[in-house]
Amino acid sequence: MIEKHFTLDRTMEGPDHVASLEPGELLQQIRNIELALSGSGVKAPSSSNLKYQHKWKSIHLNRNLTKNEVLTEMI
Protein backbone atom coordinates (compact mmCIF):
# COMPACT_ATOMS: atom_id res chain seq x y z
CA MET A 1 0.00 0.00 0.00
CA ILE A 2 1.26 3.48 -0.82
CA GLU A 3 -0.17 6.53 0.91
CA LYS A 4 0.55 9.91 -0.67
CA HIS A 5 -1.27 13.22 -0.66
CA PHE A 6 -2.33 14.02 -4.22
CA THR A 7 -3.56 17.28 -5.76
CA LEU A 8 -4.29 18.51 -9.24
CA ASP A 9 -2.70 21.89 -8.45
CA ARG A 10 -0.60 23.02 -5.46
CA THR A 11 -2.01 26.55 -5.72
CA MET A 12 -5.52 25.37 -4.79
CA GLU A 13 -6.92 26.47 -1.44
CA GLY A 14 -6.62 24.15 1.51
CA PRO A 15 -3.91 23.04 3.94
CA ASP A 16 -2.78 19.89 2.10
CA HIS A 17 -2.40 21.09 -1.49
CA VAL A 18 0.95 22.84 -1.02
CA ALA A 19 2.57 19.67 0.39
CA SER A 20 0.90 17.21 -1.99
CA LEU A 21 2.19 15.57 -5.15
CA GLU A 22 0.88 16.62 -8.54
CA PRO A 23 -0.02 13.91 -11.12
CA GLY A 24 3.38 13.67 -12.86
CA GLU A 25 5.23 13.64 -9.54
CA LEU A 26 2.99 10.92 -8.14
CA LEU A 27 3.66 8.68 -11.11
CA GLN A 28 7.42 9.29 -10.86
CA GLN A 29 7.42 8.47 -7.12
CA ILE A 30 5.57 5.20 -7.81
CA ARG A 31 8.10 4.30 -10.53
CA ASN A 32 10.95 5.04 -8.08
CA ILE A 33 9.38 2.70 -5.52
CA GLU A 34 9.03 -0.01 -8.18
CA LEU A 35 12.73 0.33 -9.03
CA ALA A 36 13.71 0.14 -5.36
CA LEU A 37 11.61 -2.98 -4.82
CA SER A 38 13.00 -4.73 -7.91
CA GLY A 39 16.54 -4.79 -6.52
CA SER A 40 18.44 -7.84 -5.32
CA GLY A 41 17.73 -7.22 -1.65
CA VAL A 42 21.46 -7.04 -0.97
CA LYS A 43 22.45 -3.79 0.69
CA ALA A 44 25.81 -2.61 -0.58
CA PRO A 45 27.49 0.75 -1.21
CA SER A 46 27.29 2.17 -4.70
CA SER A 47 30.44 2.57 -6.76
CA SER A 48 30.35 6.33 -6.13
CA ASN A 49 30.36 5.68 -2.36
CA LEU A 50 33.24 3.21 -2.50
CA LYS A 51 35.76 5.93 -3.30
CA TYR A 52 35.11 7.30 0.22
CA GLN A 53 35.45 3.91 1.90
CA HIS A 54 38.72 4.92 3.57
CA LYS A 55 36.77 7.56 5.55
CA TRP A 56 34.18 5.13 6.95
CA LYS A 57 34.32 4.59 10.70
CA SER A 58 32.98 1.49 12.40
CA ILE A 59 33.60 -0.96 15.21
CA HIS A 60 34.00 -4.68 14.53
CA LEU A 61 34.01 -7.30 17.27
CA ASN A 62 35.63 -10.71 17.05
CA ARG A 63 33.24 -12.26 19.59
CA ASN A 64 29.64 -11.91 20.78
CA LEU A 65 28.88 -9.54 23.63
CA THR A 66 27.18 -10.70 26.78
CA LYS A 67 24.06 -8.95 28.05
CA ASN A 68 24.91 -5.60 29.73
CA GLU A 69 28.58 -5.88 28.79
CA VAL A 70 30.22 -2.46 28.51
CA LEU A 71 32.69 -1.75 25.73
CA THR A 72 35.88 -0.05 26.82
CA GLU A 73 38.83 1.23 24.85
CA MET A 74 41.82 -1.11 24.80
CA ILE A 75 45.19 0.51 24.35
PDB file of N, CA and C in Angstrom:
ATOM      1  N   MET A   1       0.847  -1.156   0.000  1.00  0.00           N
ATOM      2  CA  MET A   1       0.000   0.000   0.000  1.00  0.00           C
ATOM      3  C   MET A   1       0.907   1.238   0.000  1.00  0.00           C
ATOM      4  N   ILE A   2       0.536   2.214  -0.770  1.00  0.00           N
ATOM      5  CA  ILE A   2       1.259   3.483  -0.818  1.00  0.00           C
ATOM      6  C   ILE A   2       0.281   4.584  -0.442  1.00  0.00           C
ATOM      7  N   GLU A   3       0.670   5.403   0.529  1.00  0.00           N
ATOM      8  CA  GLU A   3      -0.174   6.532   0.910  1.00  0.00           C
ATOM      9  C   GLU A   3       0.569   7.816   0.578  1.00  0.00           C
ATOM     10  N   LYS A   4      -0.022   8.622  -0.279  1.00  0.00           N
ATOM     11  CA  LYS A   4       0.548   9.909  -0.668  1.00  0.00           C
ATOM     12  C   LYS A   4      -0.583  10.918  -0.786  1.00  0.00           C
ATOM     13  N   HIS A   5      -0.312  12.148  -0.417  1.00  0.00           N
ATOM     14  CA  HIS A   5      -1.275  13.218  -0.656  1.00  0.00           C
ATOM     15  C   HIS A   5      -1.152  13.625  -2.111  1.00  0.00           C
ATOM     16  N   PHE A   6      -2.287  13.766  -2.786  1.00  0.00           N
ATOM     17  CA  PHE A   6      -2.333  14.023  -4.218  1.00  0.00           C
ATOM     18  C   PHE A   6      -3.198  15.251  -4.469  1.00  0.00           C
ATOM     19  N   THR A   7      -2.769  16.107  -5.374  1.00  0.00           N
ATOM     20  CA  THR A   7      -3.558  17.279  -5.756  1.00  0.00           C
ATOM     21  C   THR A   7      -3.411  17.508  -7.255  1.00  0.00           C
ATOM     22  N   LEU A   8      -4.383  18.146  -7.834  1.00  0.00           N
ATOM     23  CA  LEU A   8      -4.288  18.509  -9.243  1.00  0.00           C
ATOM     24  C   LEU A   8      -3.484  19.781  -9.427  1.00  0.00           C
ATOM     25  N   ASP A   9      -3.403  20.610  -8.350  1.00  0.00           N
ATOM     26  CA  ASP A   9      -2.702  21.892  -8.451  1.00  0.00           C
ATOM     27  C   ASP A   9      -2.337  22.362  -7.053  1.00  0.00           C
ATOM     28  N   ARG A  10      -1.054  22.586  -6.789  1.00  0.00           N
ATOM     29  CA  ARG A  10      -0.602  23.020  -5.459  1.00  0.00           C
ATOM     30  C   ARG A  10      -1.106  24.407  -5.072  1.00  0.00           C
ATOM     31  N   THR A  11      -1.544  25.192  -6.042  1.00  0.00           N
ATOM     32  CA  THR A  11      -2.013  26.551  -5.719  1.00  0.00           C
ATOM     33  C   THR A  11      -3.475  26.569  -5.287  1.00  0.00           C
ATOM     34  N   MET A  12      -4.124  25.431  -5.250  1.00  0.00           N
ATOM     35  CA  MET A  12      -5.521  25.367  -4.793  1.00  0.00           C
ATOM     36  C   MET A  12      -5.582  25.690  -3.307  1.00  0.00           C
ATOM     37  N   GLU A  13      -6.734  26.151  -2.865  1.00  0.00           N
ATOM     38  CA  GLU A  13      -6.920  26.469  -1.438  1.00  0.00           C
ATOM     39  C   GLU A  13      -7.016  25.192  -0.626  1.00  0.00           C
ATOM     40  N   GLY A  14      -6.557  25.279   0.595  1.00  0.00           N
ATOM     41  CA  GLY A  14      -6.621  24.148   1.509  1.00  0.00           C
ATOM     42  C   GLY A  14      -5.244  23.841   2.068  1.00  0.00           C
ATOM     43  N   PRO A  15      -5.195  23.243   3.252  1.00  0.00           N
ATOM     44  CA  PRO A  15      -3.913  23.035   3.935  1.00  0.00           C
ATOM     45  C   PRO A  15      -3.022  21.964   3.321  1.00  0.00           C
ATOM     46  N   ASP A  16      -3.589  21.014   2.589  1.00  0.00           N
ATOM     47  CA  ASP A  16      -2.783  19.891   2.099  1.00  0.00           C
ATOM     48  C   ASP A  16      -2.226  20.085   0.700  1.00  0.00           C
ATOM     49  N   HIS A  17      -2.804  20.972  -0.084  1.00  0.00           N
ATOM     50  CA  HIS A  17      -2.398  21.086  -1.487  1.00  0.00           C
ATOM     51  C   HIS A  17      -0.926  21.452  -1.654  1.00  0.00           C
ATOM     52  N   VAL A  18      -0.428  22.377  -0.849  1.00  0.00           N
ATOM     53  CA  VAL A  18       0.951  22.840  -1.016  1.00  0.00           C
ATOM     54  C   VAL A  18       1.973  21.723  -0.781  1.00  0.00           C
ATOM     55  N   ALA A  19       1.634  20.759   0.062  1.00  0.00           N
ATOM     56  CA  ALA A  19       2.573  19.674   0.387  1.00  0.00           C
ATOM     57  C   ALA A  19       2.242  18.373  -0.334  1.00  0.00           C
ATOM     58  N   SER A  20       1.332  18.416  -1.287  1.00  0.00           N
ATOM     59  CA  SER A  20       0.904  17.213  -1.993  1.00  0.00           C
ATOM     60  C   SER A  20       1.620  17.062  -3.325  1.00  0.00           C
ATOM     61  N   LEU A  21       1.584  15.856  -3.845  1.00  0.00           N
ATOM     62  CA  LEU A  21       2.185  15.575  -5.148  1.00  0.00           C
ATOM     63  C   LEU A  21       1.192  15.873  -6.261  1.00  0.00           C
ATOM     64  N   GLU A  22       1.700  16.422  -7.354  1.00  0.00           N
ATOM     65  CA  GLU A  22       0.880  16.621  -8.541  1.00  0.00           C
ATOM     66  C   GLU A  22       0.973  15.360  -9.399  1.00  0.00           C
ATOM     67  N   PRO A  23       0.071  15.187 -10.391  1.00  0.00           N
ATOM     68  CA  PRO A  23      -0.019  13.910 -11.123  1.00  0.00           C
ATOM     69  C   PRO A  23       1.310  13.365 -11.652  1.00  0.00           C
ATOM     70  N   GLY A  24       2.112  14.159 -12.328  1.00  0.00           N
ATOM     71  CA  GLY A  24       3.385  13.670 -12.860  1.00  0.00           C
ATOM     72  C   GLY A  24       4.344  13.246 -11.769  1.00  0.00           C
ATOM     73  N   GLU A  25       4.338  13.972 -10.659  1.00  0.00           N
ATOM     74  CA  GLU A  25       5.228  13.635  -9.535  1.00  0.00           C
ATOM     75  C   GLU A  25       4.795  12.336  -8.877  1.00  0.00           C
ATOM     76  N   LEU A  26       3.495  12.148  -8.749  1.00  0.00           N
ATOM     77  CA  LEU A  26       2.986  10.922  -8.138  1.00  0.00           C
ATOM     78  C   LEU A  26       3.407   9.710  -8.956  1.00  0.00           C
ATOM     79  N   LEU A  27       3.260   9.789 -10.249  1.00  0.00           N
ATOM     80  CA  LEU A  27       3.659   8.683 -11.113  1.00  0.00           C
ATOM     81  C   LEU A  27       5.155   8.422 -10.998  1.00  0.00           C
ATOM     82  N   GLN A  28       5.967   9.459 -10.977  1.00  0.00           N
ATOM     83  CA  GLN A  28       7.421   9.292 -10.860  1.00  0.00           C
ATOM     84  C   GLN A  28       7.798   8.651  -9.525  1.00  0.00           C
ATOM     85  N   GLN A  29       7.145   9.062  -8.445  1.00  0.00           N
ATOM     86  CA  GLN A  29       7.421   8.470  -7.125  1.00  0.00           C
ATOM     87  C   GLN A  29       7.079   6.983  -7.111  1.00  0.00           C
ATOM     88  N   ILE A  30       5.962   6.611  -7.746  1.00  0.00           N
ATOM     89  CA  ILE A  30       5.573   5.199  -7.805  1.00  0.00           C
ATOM     90  C   ILE A  30       6.604   4.416  -8.619  1.00  0.00           C
ATOM     91  N   ARG A  31       7.077   4.971  -9.716  1.00  0.00           N
ATOM     92  CA  ARG A  31       8.104   4.303 -10.534  1.00  0.00           C
ATOM     93  C   ARG A  31       9.401   4.140  -9.731  1.00  0.00           C
ATOM     94  N   ASN A  32       9.759   5.138  -8.928  1.00  0.00           N
ATOM     95  CA  ASN A  32      10.952   5.038  -8.079  1.00  0.00           C
ATOM     96  C   ASN A  32      10.812   3.916  -7.063  1.00  0.00           C
ATOM     97  N   ILE A  33       9.629   3.774  -6.494  1.00  0.00           N
ATOM     98  CA  ILE A  33       9.378   2.704  -5.522  1.00  0.00           C
ATOM     99  C   ILE A  33       9.485   1.349  -6.213  1.00  0.00           C
ATOM    100  N   GLU A  34       8.922   1.239  -7.426  1.00  0.00           N
ATOM    101  CA  GLU A  34       9.028  -0.013  -8.181  1.00  0.00           C
ATOM    102  C   GLU A  34      10.487  -0.382  -8.433  1.00  0.00           C
ATOM    103  N   LEU A  35      11.302   0.601  -8.804  1.00  0.00           N
ATOM    104  CA  LEU A  35      12.728   0.330  -9.028  1.00  0.00           C
ATOM    105  C   LEU A  35      13.412  -0.138  -7.753  1.00  0.00           C
ATOM    106  N   ALA A  36      13.089   0.515  -6.640  1.00  0.00           N
ATOM    107  CA  ALA A  36      13.711   0.140  -5.364  1.00  0.00           C
ATOM    108  C   ALA A  36      13.323  -1.284  -4.963  1.00  0.00           C
ATOM    109  N   LEU A  37      12.079  -1.654  -5.207  1.00  0.00           N
ATOM    110  CA  LEU A  37      11.612  -2.985  -4.825  1.00  0.00           C
ATOM    111  C   LEU A  37      12.109  -4.077  -5.764  1.00  0.00           C
ATOM    112  N   SER A  38      12.558  -3.720  -6.952  1.00  0.00           N
ATOM    113  CA  SER A  38      13.001  -4.726  -7.913  1.00  0.00           C
ATOM    114  C   SER A  38      14.480  -5.084  -7.737  1.00  0.00           C
ATOM    115  N   GLY A  39      15.125  -4.521  -6.740  1.00  0.00           N
ATOM    116  CA  GLY A  39      16.544  -4.790  -6.517  1.00  0.00           C
ATOM    117  C   GLY A  39      16.794  -6.191  -6.006  1.00  0.00           C
ATOM    118  N   SER A  40      18.044  -6.497  -5.753  1.00  0.00           N
ATOM    119  CA  SER A  40      18.437  -7.839  -5.324  1.00  0.00           C
ATOM    120  C   SER A  40      18.157  -8.098  -3.854  1.00  0.00           C
ATOM    121  N   GLY A  41      17.922  -7.053  -3.077  1.00  0.00           N
ATOM    122  CA  GLY A  41      17.729  -7.218  -1.650  1.00  0.00           C
ATOM    123  C   GLY A  41      19.037  -7.159  -0.876  1.00  0.00           C
ATOM    124  N   VAL A  42      20.141  -7.127  -1.594  1.00  0.00           N
ATOM    125  CA  VAL A  42      21.458  -7.035  -0.967  1.00  0.00           C
ATOM    126  C   VAL A  42      21.799  -5.558  -0.797  1.00  0.00           C
ATOM    127  N   LYS A  43      22.102  -5.177   0.421  1.00  0.00           N
ATOM    128  CA  LYS A  43      22.451  -3.789   0.693  1.00  0.00           C
ATOM    129  C   LYS A  43      23.965  -3.641   0.577  1.00  0.00           C
ATOM    130  N   ALA A  44      24.380  -2.793  -0.339  1.00  0.00           N
ATOM    131  CA  ALA A  44      25.808  -2.606  -0.579  1.00  0.00           C
ATOM    132  C   ALA A  44      26.038  -1.168  -1.038  1.00  0.00           C
ATOM    133  N   PRO A  45      27.208  -0.628  -0.772  1.00  0.00           N
ATOM    134  CA  PRO A  45      27.492   0.748  -1.215  1.00  0.00           C
ATOM    135  C   PRO A  45      27.579   0.827  -2.733  1.00  0.00           C
ATOM    136  N   SER A  46      27.182   1.957  -3.263  1.00  0.00           N
ATOM    137  CA  SER A  46      27.290   2.172  -4.700  1.00  0.00           C
ATOM    138  C   SER A  46      28.748   2.433  -5.062  1.00  0.00           C
ATOM    139  N   SER A  47      29.054   2.348  -6.330  1.00  0.00           N
ATOM    140  CA  SER A  47      30.436   2.568  -6.761  1.00  0.00           C
ATOM    141  C   SER A  47      30.895   3.988  -6.426  1.00  0.00           C
ATOM    142  N   SER A  48      29.963   4.956  -6.471  1.00  0.00           N
ATOM    143  CA  SER A  48      30.353   6.329  -6.132  1.00  0.00           C
ATOM    144  C   SER A  48      30.667   6.473  -4.642  1.00  0.00           C
ATOM    145  N   ASN A  49      30.065   5.636  -3.796  1.00  0.00           N
ATOM    146  CA  ASN A  49      30.355   5.681  -2.361  1.00  0.00           C
ATOM    147  C   ASN A  49      31.662   4.969  -2.013  1.00  0.00           C
ATOM    148  N   LEU A  50      32.041   3.991  -2.811  1.00  0.00           N
ATOM    149  CA  LEU A  50      33.242   3.208  -2.498  1.00  0.00           C
ATOM    150  C   LEU A  50      34.514   4.044  -2.502  1.00  0.00           C
ATOM    151  N   LYS A  51      34.540   5.119  -3.287  1.00  0.00           N
ATOM    152  CA  LYS A  51      35.765   5.931  -3.304  1.00  0.00           C
ATOM    153  C   LYS A  51      35.990   6.646  -1.975  1.00  0.00           C
ATOM    154  N   TYR A  52      34.969   6.688  -1.104  1.00  0.00           N
ATOM    155  CA  TYR A  52      35.112   7.305   0.219  1.00  0.00           C
ATOM    156  C   TYR A  52      35.231   6.254   1.324  1.00  0.00           C
ATOM    157  N   GLN A  53      35.406   4.999   0.937  1.00  0.00           N
ATOM    158  CA  GLN A  53      35.446   3.908   1.904  1.00  0.00           C
ATOM    159  C   GLN A  53      36.527   4.120   2.965  1.00  0.00           C
ATOM    160  N   HIS A  54      37.634   4.718   2.605  1.00  0.00           N
ATOM    161  CA  HIS A  54      38.721   4.923   3.566  1.00  0.00           C
ATOM    162  C   HIS A  54      38.322   5.893   4.680  1.00  0.00           C
ATOM    163  N   LYS A  55      37.223   6.615   4.525  1.00  0.00           N
ATOM    164  CA  LYS A  55      36.769   7.558   5.552  1.00  0.00           C
ATOM    165  C   LYS A  55      35.681   6.976   6.447  1.00  0.00           C
ATOM    166  N   TRP A  56      35.220   5.750   6.142  1.00  0.00           N
ATOM    167  CA  TRP A  56      34.179   5.135   6.951  1.00  0.00           C
ATOM    168  C   TRP A  56      34.734   4.793   8.321  1.00  0.00           C
ATOM    169  N   LYS A  57      33.914   4.926   9.333  1.00  0.00           N
ATOM    170  CA  LYS A  57      34.324   4.586  10.697  1.00  0.00           C
ATOM    171  C   LYS A  57      33.340   3.565  11.244  1.00  0.00           C
ATOM    172  N   SER A  58      33.850   2.505  11.828  1.00  0.00           N
ATOM    173  CA  SER A  58      32.983   1.487  12.398  1.00  0.00           C
ATOM    174  C   SER A  58      33.755   0.678  13.427  1.00  0.00           C
ATOM    175  N   ILE A  59      33.016  -0.061  14.210  1.00  0.00           N
ATOM    176  CA  ILE A  59      33.598  -0.956  15.214  1.00  0.00           C
ATOM    177  C   ILE A  59      33.239  -2.375  14.818  1.00  0.00           C
ATOM    178  N   HIS A  60      34.218  -3.270  14.838  1.00  0.00           N
ATOM    179  CA  HIS A  60      33.997  -4.681  14.526  1.00  0.00           C
ATOM    180  C   HIS A  60      34.471  -5.499  15.716  1.00  0.00           C
ATOM    181  N   LEU A  61      33.657  -6.447  16.138  1.00  0.00           N
ATOM    182  CA  LEU A  61      34.011  -7.302  17.266  1.00  0.00           C
ATOM    183  C   LEU A  61      34.340  -8.697  16.759  1.00  0.00           C
ATOM    184  N   ASN A  62      35.261  -9.353  17.441  1.00  0.00           N
ATOM    185  CA  ASN A  62      35.626 -10.714  17.047  1.00  0.00           C
ATOM    186  C   ASN A  62      34.970 -11.755  17.945  1.00  0.00           C
ATOM    187  N   ARG A  63      34.005 -11.330  18.745  1.00  0.00           N
ATOM    188  CA  ARG A  63      33.242 -12.257  19.594  1.00  0.00           C
ATOM    189  C   ARG A  63      31.891 -11.625  19.910  1.00  0.00           C
ATOM    190  N   ASN A  64      30.953 -12.423  20.389  1.00  0.00           N
ATOM    191  CA  ASN A  64      29.641 -11.915  20.783  1.00  0.00           C
ATOM    192  C   ASN A  64      29.732 -11.227  22.140  1.00  0.00           C
ATOM    193  N   LEU A  65      28.943 -10.211  22.325  1.00  0.00           N
ATOM    194  CA  LEU A  65      28.882  -9.541  23.627  1.00  0.00           C
ATOM    195  C   LEU A  65      27.894 -10.257  24.529  1.00  0.00           C
ATOM    196  N   THR A  66      28.152 -10.187  25.818  1.00  0.00           N
ATOM    197  CA  THR A  66      27.180 -10.703  26.776  1.00  0.00           C
ATOM    198  C   THR A  66      26.230  -9.571  27.148  1.00  0.00           C
ATOM    199  N   LYS A  67      25.062  -9.938  27.666  1.00  0.00           N
ATOM    200  CA  LYS A  67      24.065  -8.950  28.049  1.00  0.00           C
ATOM    201  C   LYS A  67      24.651  -7.975  29.076  1.00  0.00           C
ATOM    202  N   ASN A  68      24.453  -6.689  28.858  1.00  0.00           N
ATOM    203  CA  ASN A  68      24.908  -5.599  29.727  1.00  0.00           C
ATOM    204  C   ASN A  68      26.429  -5.416  29.741  1.00  0.00           C
ATOM    205  N   GLU A  69      27.140  -6.076  28.856  1.00  0.00           N
ATOM    206  CA  GLU A  69      28.583  -5.882  28.792  1.00  0.00           C
ATOM    207  C   GLU A  69      28.884  -4.483  28.267  1.00  0.00           C
ATOM    208  N   VAL A  70      29.848  -3.817  28.882  1.00  0.00           N
ATOM    209  CA  VAL A  70      30.222  -2.458  28.506  1.00  0.00           C
ATOM    210  C   VAL A  70      31.494  -2.513  27.673  1.00  0.00           C
ATOM    211  N   LEU A  71      31.487  -1.821  26.557  1.00  0.00           N
ATOM    212  CA  LEU A  71      32.689  -1.747  25.733  1.00  0.00           C
ATOM    213  C   LEU A  71      33.620  -0.690  26.297  1.00  0.00           C
ATOM    214  N   THR A  72      34.885  -1.014  26.371  1.00  0.00           N
ATOM    215  CA  THR A  72      35.881  -0.049  26.823  1.00  0.00           C
ATOM    216  C   THR A  72      37.022  -0.013  25.801  1.00  0.00           C
ATOM    217  N   GLU A  73      37.723   1.082  25.772  1.00  0.00           N
ATOM    218  CA  GLU A  73      38.835   1.235  24.846  1.00  0.00           C
ATOM    219  C   GLU A  73      40.024   0.434  25.339  1.00  0.00           C
ATOM    220  N   MET A  74      40.619  -0.331  24.446  1.00  0.00           N
ATOM    221  CA  MET A  74      41.817  -1.106  24.796  1.00  0.00           C
ATOM    222  C   MET A  74      43.005  -0.422  24.126  1.00  0.00           C
ATOM    223  N   ILE A  75      44.004  -0.168  24.889  1.00  0.00           N
ATOM    224  CA  ILE A  75      45.191   0.507  24.346  1.00  0.00           C
ATOM    225  C   ILE A  75      46.349  -0.465  24.290  1.00  0.00           C
TER     226      ILE A  75
END
